[in-house]
């Protein structure tokens, strides 16, 4: 019954202030929509406007859903990186703990060696008030004296070397401990940075999912409004058409009445036909019927609402009148856009049998009988 503008809505750009936008849309736009008086001639334009809003919201919701998917993938990657760095931290911690234990063990060994060395030195110092001549005189032989002295000297050298070795090992372990501690601290810093980034991404994901949910809520509200408006429009059309004594209405169901499948099977108003009309509308169907009969059908997109067809026809030199003819297009002046029907035959009782699209505002094919009084006919 209508022709819509083909101008596309500019895509809504979302910023971090989406919550404010959503609040405004929900809190202000919806109430205003229902506060306006309902006029029969404004249903279609209001439906068109809301459909455009829904398209914008759906695009934004889809973008947010894709962004949520990307954010979730990033979170999964961060979790894997955290697991890897935590495993490295556990390994470094184990190495660090072992170094601490080794250092403690070496310190105990150092203390023990130092104690033994102190004992030997003390033993060697016993009797320091006795001269070597007296020690020698007290020995069984010169060889015993030399052996005893050599033994103490050798033990002292070995213990001093052992102490030096323990000190050197301890120094090395201390250096390794410093390096291990540095590595461990670096790894913990990496883990903390990943945790902070993960928290940030988690919040962003929650915000994004919240925004998507808000848009889905608005979409649901707008779709509910459209359903209400379509019901009101159908009721208004039904009331206006009672004067035409309509009978024998036969909805076509999934049938298209020959209307091309590419237009019939697509979502209503999603495609433009060859004459600039949106698909599954009454004007698109009747334009196709005229062209399919081999007659010339002008391109009336932009000035082709059903109630505009008689004037458009006269401008293009096509005659109009009040008498029905088979193959003519009948125009009914109801609603804001009017309604176009194709005259299939003339019944013996003076009524006409017509085929049409979108009579019940559902974008479907149907047929019916109607009293021609008050209709305008276009003779292509």
Protein backbone atom coordinates (compact mmCIF):
# COMPACT_ATOMS: atom_id res chain seq x y z
CA UNK A 1 0.00 0.00 0.00
CA UNK A 2 2.94 2.28 0.25
CA UNK A 3 6.25 3.35 -1.19
CA UNK A 4 9.07 4.09 1.19
CA UNK A 5 12.06 6.31 0.80
CA UNK A 6 15.22 4.42 -0.12
CA UNK A 7 17.44 6.71 1.92
CA UNK A 8 19.39 4.64 4.44
CA UNK A 9 19.75 5.71 8.03
CA UNK A 10 23.16 6.81 9.12
CA UNK A 11 24.63 4.21 11.38
CA UNK A 12 24.51 5.14 15.05
CA UNK A 13 27.99 5.59 16.49
CA UNK A 14 28.22 4.29 20.03
CA UNK A 15 30.48 5.87 22.59
CA UNK A 16 31.05 5.10 26.24
CA UNK A 17 27.97 7.21 26.97
CA UNK A 18 25.72 4.54 25.51
CA UNK A 19 23.97 4.15 28.85
CA UNK A 20 22.81 7.74 28.67
CA UNK A 21 21.61 7.19 25.12
CA UNK A 22 19.72 4.06 26.08
CA UNK A 23 18.16 5.79 29.08
CA UNK A 24 17.03 8.66 26.91
CA UNK A 25 15.63 6.37 24.23
CA UNK A 26 13.77 4.18 26.69
CA UNK A 27 12.70 6.94 29.03
CA UNK A 28 11.71 9.61 26.55
CA UNK A 29 11.08 8.24 23.05
CA UNK A 30 8.74 5.42 24.00
CA UNK A 31 6.39 7.53 26.13
CA UNK A 32 6.20 10.22 23.46
CA UNK A 33 5.26 7.63 20.86
CA UNK A 34 2.22 6.57 22.80
CA UNK A 35 1.23 10.06 23.91
CA UNK A 36 0.46 11.10 20.35
CA UNK A 37 -3.09 10.75 19.07
CA UNK A 38 -3.67 7.79 16.77
CA UNK A 39 -4.72 8.86 13.27
CA UNK A 40 -5.53 6.31 10.57
CA UNK A 41 -3.51 8.20 7.96
CA UNK A 42 -0.32 8.14 10.05
CA UNK A 43 0.02 4.41 10.77
CA UNK A 44 2.27 3.60 7.84
CA UNK A 45 4.61 6.53 8.32
CA UNK A 46 4.93 5.74 12.02
CA UNK A 47 5.56 2.07 11.27
CA UNK A 48 8.19 3.07 8.73
CA UNK A 49 9.90 5.34 11.23
CA UNK A 50 9.95 2.65 13.93
CA UNK A 51 11.22 0.06 11.43
CA UNK A 52 14.08 2.39 10.63
CA UNK A 53 14.87 2.74 14.33
CA UNK A 54 14.81 -1.04 14.73
CA UNK A 55 17.21 -1.41 11.80
CA UNK A 56 19.63 0.98 13.45
CA UNK A 57 19.34 -0.73 16.83
CA UNK A 58 19.78 -4.16 15.28
CA UNK A 59 22.94 -3.00 13.51
CA UNK A 60 24.32 -1.61 16.74
CA UNK A 61 23.34 -4.72 18.71
CA UNK A 62 25.05 -6.90 16.08
CA UNK A 63 28.18 -4.75 16.28
CA UNK A 64 28.19 -5.01 20.06
CA UNK A 65 27.68 -8.78 19.87
CA UNK A 66 30.69 -9.05 17.56
CA UNK A 67 32.68 -6.83 19.90
CA UNK A 68 31.68 -9.05 22.83
CA UNK A 69 32.88 -12.09 20.91
CA UNK A 70 36.22 -10.41 20.23
CA UNK A 71 36.56 -9.33 23.87
CA UNK A 72 35.82 -12.86 25.05
CA UNK A 73 38.54 -14.20 22.75
CA UNK A 74 40.97 -11.67 24.20
CA UNK A 75 39.98 -12.73 27.72
CA UNK A 76 40.57 -16.39 26.82
CA UNK A 77 44.00 -15.46 25.46
CA UNK A 78 44.82 -13.48 28.61
CA UNK A 79 43.76 -16.42 30.79
CA UNK A 80 46.08 -18.72 28.84
CA UNK A 81 48.96 -16.24 29.18
CA UNK A 82 48.26 -16.00 32.92
CA UNK A 83 48.39 -19.79 33.23
CA UNK A 84 51.72 -19.89 31.39
CA UNK A 85 53.31 -17.13 33.49
CA UNK A 86 51.94 -18.72 36.67
CA UNK A 87 53.61 -22.01 35.74
CA UNK A 88 56.86 -20.10 35.18
CA UNK A 89 56.42 -18.37 38.55
CA UNK A 90 55.89 -21.73 40.27
CA UNK A 91 59.08 -23.09 38.67
CA UNK A 92 61.08 -19.98 39.57
CA UNK A 93 59.73 -20.08 43.12
CA UNK A 94 60.80 -23.71 43.46
CA UNK A 95 64.30 -22.85 42.21
CA UNK A 96 64.45 -19.86 44.55
CA UNK A 97 63.36 -21.96 47.53
CA UNK A 98 66.02 -24.55 46.69
CA UNK A 99 68.70 -21.85 46.55
CA UNK A 100 67.62 -20.59 49.97
CA UNK A 101 67.86 -24.14 51.34
CA UNK A 102 71.29 -24.68 49.72
CA UNK A 103 72.59 -21.43 51.18
CA UNK A 104 71.35 -22.40 54.63
CA UNK A 105 73.00 -25.81 54.29
CA UNK A 106 76.29 -24.25 53.22
CA UNK A 107 76.16 -21.81 56.08
CA UNK A 108 75.76 -24.74 58.49
CA UNK A 109 78.66 -26.51 56.79
CA UNK A 110 80.77 -23.38 57.04
CA UNK A 111 80.07 -23.11 60.76
CA UNK A 112 80.98 -26.78 61.21
CA UNK A 113 84.23 -26.46 59.28
CA UNK A 114 85.15 -23.35 61.19
CA UNK A 115 84.53 -25.18 64.48
CA UNK A 116 86.79 -28.07 63.44
CA UNK A 117 89.48 -25.67 62.29
CA UNK A 118 89.30 -23.83 65.58
CA UNK A 119 89.71 -27.14 67.46
CA UNK A 120 92.80 -28.11 65.44
CA UNK A 121 94.37 -24.71 65.92
CA UNK A 122 93.66 -25.01 69.63
CA UNK A 123 95.25 -28.47 69.72
CA UNK A 124 98.27 -27.16 67.89
CA UNK A 125 98.56 -24.39 70.41
CA UNK A 126 98.64 -26.73 73.42
CA UNK A 127 101.96 -26.55 75.13
CA UNK A 128 103.14 -23.52 73.26
CA UNK A 129 105.24 -22.80 76.34
CA UNK A 130 107.38 -25.90 75.50
CA UNK A 131 110.22 -25.28 73.15
CA UNK A 132 110.65 -27.40 70.03
CA UNK A 133 113.90 -28.85 71.56
CA UNK A 134 111.86 -30.04 74.53
CA UNK A 135 109.13 -31.51 72.29
CA UNK A 136 111.77 -33.23 70.22
CA UNK A 137 113.47 -34.59 73.36
CA UNK A 138 110.15 -36.01 74.48
CA UNK A 139 109.50 -37.80 71.20
CA UNK A 140 110.53 -41.39 70.57
CA UNK A 141 112.23 -40.31 67.42
CA UNK A 142 112.79 -37.39 65.12
CA UNK A 143 110.40 -39.04 62.62
CA UNK A 144 107.50 -39.06 65.12
CA UNK A 145 108.01 -35.40 65.79
CA UNK A 146 107.99 -34.51 62.10
CA UNK A 147 104.94 -36.68 61.37
CA UNK A 148 102.92 -35.05 64.10
CA UNK A 149 103.77 -31.59 62.90
CA UNK A 150 103.03 -32.51 59.28
CA UNK A 151 99.66 -33.99 60.25
CA UNK A 152 98.50 -30.87 62.03
CA UNK A 153 99.75 -28.65 59.23
CA UNK A 154 98.02 -30.77 56.58
CA UNK A 155 94.75 -30.82 58.52
CA UNK A 156 94.92 -27.07 58.90
CA UNK A 157 95.52 -26.55 55.18
CA UNK A 158 92.64 -28.86 54.23
CA UNK A 159 90.22 -27.20 56.59
CA UNK A 160 91.23 -23.72 55.48
CA UNK A 161 90.70 -24.76 51.85
CA UNK A 162 87.35 -26.31 52.74
CA UNK A 163 86.29 -23.10 54.45
CA UNK A 164 87.33 -21.11 51.38
CA UNK A 165 85.34 -23.48 49.12
CA UNK A 166 82.23 -23.21 51.27
CA UNK A 167 82.51 -19.42 51.30
CA UNK A 168 82.92 -19.36 47.50
CA UNK A 169 79.93 -21.66 46.97
CA UNK A 170 77.87 -19.54 49.33
CA UNK A 171 78.79 -16.41 47.35
CA UNK A 172 77.74 -18.12 44.12
CA UNK A 173 74.47 -19.26 45.65
CA UNK A 174 73.82 -15.74 46.93
CA UNK A 175 74.39 -14.36 43.42
CA UNK A 176 72.06 -17.02 41.96
CA UNK A 177 69.49 -16.17 44.60
CA UNK A 178 69.58 -12.48 43.61
CA UNK A 179 69.13 -13.42 39.94
CA UNK A 180 66.32 -15.86 40.76
CA UNK A 181 64.62 -13.25 42.92
CA UNK A 182 64.84 -10.71 40.10
CA UNK A 183 63.33 -13.19 37.61
CA UNK A 184 60.61 -14.13 40.07
CA UNK A 185 59.71 -10.50 40.70
CA UNK A 186 59.61 -9.79 36.95
CA UNK A 187 57.33 -12.76 36.37
CA UNK A 188 55.03 -11.67 39.19
CA UNK A 189 54.88 -8.19 37.67
CA UNK A 190 53.90 -9.73 34.32
CA UNK A 191 51.24 -11.79 36.06
CA UNK A 192 49.87 -8.72 37.86
CA UNK A 193 49.82 -6.74 34.59
CA UNK A 194 47.92 -9.56 32.89
CA UNK A 195 45.49 -9.72 35.80
CA UNK A 196 44.88 -5.96 35.57
CA UNK A 197 44.32 -6.18 31.83
CA UNK A 198 42.03 -9.15 32.33
CA UNK A 199 39.98 -7.18 34.87
CA UNK A 200 39.76 -4.25 32.46
CA UNK A 201 38.68 -6.50 29.59
CA UNK A 202 36.14 -8.26 31.81
CA UNK A 203 34.57 -4.92 32.73
CA UNK A 204 34.53 -3.84 29.10
CA UNK A 205 32.92 -7.14 28.13
CA UNK A 206 30.27 -6.74 30.83
CA UNK A 207 29.59 -3.16 29.71
CA UNK A 208 29.38 -4.23 26.07
CA UNK A 209 27.03 -7.09 26.85
CA UNK A 210 24.97 -4.70 28.95
CA UNK A 211 24.76 -2.26 26.03
CA UNK A 212 23.78 -5.05 23.66
CA UNK A 213 21.09 -6.19 26.09
CA UNK A 214 19.76 -2.64 26.35
CA UNK A 215 19.50 -2.34 22.57
CA UNK A 216 17.80 -5.73 22.37
CA UNK A 217 15.30 -4.49 24.94
CA UNK A 218 14.61 -1.38 22.86
CA UNK A 219 14.23 -3.53 19.74
CA UNK A 220 11.66 -5.65 21.55
CA UNK A 221 9.74 -2.56 22.60
CA UNK A 222 9.78 -1.14 19.07
CA UNK A 223 8.67 -4.45 17.55
CA UNK A 224 5.80 -4.51 20.03
CA UNK A 225 4.84 -0.99 18.98
CA UNK A 226 4.88 -2.04 15.30
CA UNK A 227 2.65 -5.01 16.08
CA UNK A 228 0.18 -2.70 17.82
CA UNK A 229 0.26 -0.17 14.97
CA UNK A 230 -0.23 -2.86 12.33
CA UNK A 231 -3.23 -4.16 14.26
CA UNK A 232 -4.66 -0.64 14.44
CA UNK A 233 -3.97 -0.10 10.74
CA UNK A 234 -5.64 -3.37 9.80
CA UNK A 235 -8.65 -2.45 11.90
CA UNK A 236 -8.81 1.00 10.30
CA UNK A 237 -8.58 -0.49 6.80
CA UNK A 238 -11.25 -3.03 7.62
CA UNK A 239 -13.57 -0.30 8.91
CA UNK A 240 -12.97 1.88 5.84
CA UNK A 241 -13.51 -0.99 3.43
CA UNK A 242 -16.94 -2.00 4.73
CA UNK A 243 -18.52 0.50 2.36
CA UNK A 244 -17.15 -1.54 -0.56
CA UNK A 245 -19.10 -4.71 0.35
CA UNK A 246 -16.06 -7.00 0.19
CA UNK A 247 -16.69 -10.74 0.03
CA UNK A 248 -14.89 -13.97 -0.79
CA UNK A 249 -11.53 -12.88 0.64
CA UNK A 250 -9.09 -15.71 -0.05
CA UNK A 251 -5.59 -15.27 1.40
CA UNK A 252 -2.94 -16.88 -0.72
CA UNK A 253 -0.93 -18.24 2.20
CA UNK A 254 2.54 -19.05 0.89
CA UNK A 255 1.35 -18.54 -2.69
CA UNK A 256 2.43 -15.51 -4.67
CA UNK A 257 -0.15 -15.39 -7.46
CA UNK A 258 2.66 -15.49 -10.02
CA UNK A 259 4.50 -12.59 -8.38
CA UNK A 260 8.25 -13.25 -8.84
CA UNK A 261 9.73 -15.41 -6.09
CA UNK A 262 12.73 -13.11 -5.61
CA UNK A 263 10.35 -10.42 -4.32
CA UNK A 264 7.67 -12.65 -2.81
CA UNK A 265 10.05 -14.79 -0.73
CA UNK A 266 12.08 -11.87 0.60
CA UNK A 267 11.23 -9.89 3.72
CA UNK A 268 8.59 -7.26 2.99
CA UNK A 269 10.00 -3.85 2.01
CA UNK A 270 13.55 -5.22 1.80
CA UNK A 271 13.88 -4.98 -2.02
CA UNK A 272 12.94 -2.53 -4.76
CA UNK A 273 11.21 -3.92 -7.83
CA UNK A 274 11.75 -2.81 -11.45
CA UNK A 275 9.42 0.17 -11.04
CA UNK A 276 10.85 1.64 -7.83
CA UNK A 277 8.30 0.01 -5.53
CA UNK A 278 9.08 -1.95 -2.39
CA UNK A 279 8.42 -5.67 -2.59
CA UNK A 280 5.24 -7.34 -1.32
CA UNK A 281 3.32 -4.06 -1.39
CA UNK A 282 0.08 -3.65 -3.35
CA UNK A 283 1.65 -1.21 -5.82
CA UNK A 284 4.60 -3.52 -6.54
CA UNK A 285 2.26 -6.43 -7.28
CA UNK A 286 -0.07 -4.43 -9.57
CA UNK A 287 2.91 -2.86 -11.39
CA UNK A 288 4.23 -6.36 -12.06
CA UNK A 289 0.77 -7.55 -13.24
CA UNK A 290 0.54 -4.69 -15.76
CA UNK A 291 4.06 -5.34 -17.07
CA UNK A 292 3.52 -9.11 -17.16
CA UNK A 293 0.51 -8.56 -19.48
CA UNK A 294 2.83 -6.92 -22.00
CA UNK A 295 1.74 -3.35 -21.34
CA UNK A 296 3.92 -0.41 -20.44
CA UNK A 297 4.29 0.21 -16.71
CA UNK A 298 6.01 3.54 -15.87
CA UNK A 299 8.57 3.72 -13.09
CA UNK A 300 6.65 5.56 -10.39
CA UNK A 301 9.05 5.07 -7.48
CA UNK A 302 8.98 8.17 -5.28
CA UNK A 303 5.47 9.20 -6.46
CA UNK A 304 3.83 5.83 -6.48
CA UNK A 305 1.67 5.48 -3.40
CA UNK A 306 -1.58 3.80 -4.44
CA UNK A 307 -3.65 6.97 -4.00
CA UNK A 308 -1.12 8.84 -6.20
CA UNK A 309 -1.43 6.44 -9.13
CA UNK A 310 -4.45 8.07 -10.83
CA UNK A 311 -2.72 11.50 -10.95
CA UNK A 312 0.59 9.90 -12.02
CA UNK A 313 -1.24 7.98 -14.75
CA UNK A 314 -2.90 11.11 -16.13
CA UNK A 315 0.46 12.93 -16.11
CA UNK A 316 1.87 10.10 -18.23
CA UNK A 317 -1.07 10.08 -20.62
CA UNK A 318 -2.75 6.98 -19.22
CA UNK A 319 -6.54 7.27 -18.93
CA UNK A 320 -8.53 6.70 -15.76
CA UNK A 321 -12.24 6.34 -14.97
CA UNK A 322 -14.90 4.91 -12.69
CA UNK A 323 -15.90 1.92 -14.84
CA UNK A 324 -14.10 -1.38 -14.15
CA UNK A 325 -12.36 -3.21 -16.97
CA UNK A 326 -10.53 -6.53 -16.89
CA UNK A 327 -6.81 -5.81 -16.66
CA UNK A 328 -7.29 -2.37 -15.15
CA UNK A 329 -5.90 -1.37 -11.77
CA UNK A 330 -8.49 -0.41 -9.14
CA UNK A 331 -7.54 2.23 -6.58
CA UNK A 332 -9.23 2.37 -3.18
CA UNK A 333 -8.78 5.55 -1.14
CA UNK A 334 -8.27 4.29 2.38
CA UNK A 335 -5.64 5.06 4.97
CA UNK A 336 -2.69 7.27 4.23
CA UNK A 337 -1.42 5.49 1.13
CA UNK A 338 -4.56 3.99 -0.40
CA UNK A 339 -4.71 0.49 -1.89
CA UNK A 340 -4.13 -0.87 -5.42
CA UNK A 341 -5.81 -4.02 -6.84
CA UNK A 342 -5.68 -5.79 -10.19
CA UNK A 343 -9.06 -6.48 -11.83
CA UNK A 344 -9.11 -10.16 -12.84
CA UNK A 345 -12.75 -10.39 -13.88
CA UNK A 346 -16.18 -8.75 -13.64
CA UNK A 347 -18.90 -10.78 -11.94
CA UNK A 348 -22.47 -11.04 -13.22
CA UNK A 349 -23.75 -9.17 -10.18
CA UNK A 350 -21.60 -6.14 -11.01
CA UNK A 351 -18.89 -6.78 -8.42
CA UNK A 352 -15.33 -7.28 -9.54
CA UNK A 353 -12.89 -10.06 -8.70
CA UNK A 354 -9.43 -8.66 -7.84
CA UNK A 355 -6.01 -9.98 -6.89
CA UNK A 356 -3.72 -8.01 -4.61
CA UNK A 357 -0.91 -7.92 -2.10
CA UNK A 358 -0.86 -6.65 1.49
CA UNK A 359 -4.62 -6.29 1.98
CA UNK A 360 -4.35 -7.51 5.56
CA UNK A 361 -1.12 -5.56 6.12
CA UNK A 362 0.90 -8.77 6.24
CA UNK A 363 2.60 -8.59 2.85
CA UNK A 364 0.67 -11.57 1.47
CA UNK A 365 -1.14 -12.37 -1.76
CA UNK A 366 -4.93 -12.61 -1.72
CA UNK A 367 -8.05 -12.42 -3.90
CA UNK A 368 -11.55 -11.06 -3.19
CA UNK A 369 -14.76 -9.69 -4.68
CA UNK A 370 -15.53 -6.00 -4.18
CA UNK A 371 -18.18 -3.47 -5.15
CA UNK A 372 -16.56 -1.10 -7.69
CA UNK A 373 -18.52 1.97 -6.55
CA UNK A 374 -16.17 4.67 -5.30
CA UNK A 375 -13.07 3.09 -6.88
CA UNK A 376 -10.90 4.73 -9.53
CA UNK A 377 -9.67 2.55 -12.40
CA UNK A 378 -6.48 3.03 -14.39
CA UNK A 379 -6.54 1.69 -17.96
CA UNK A 380 -2.94 0.87 -18.86
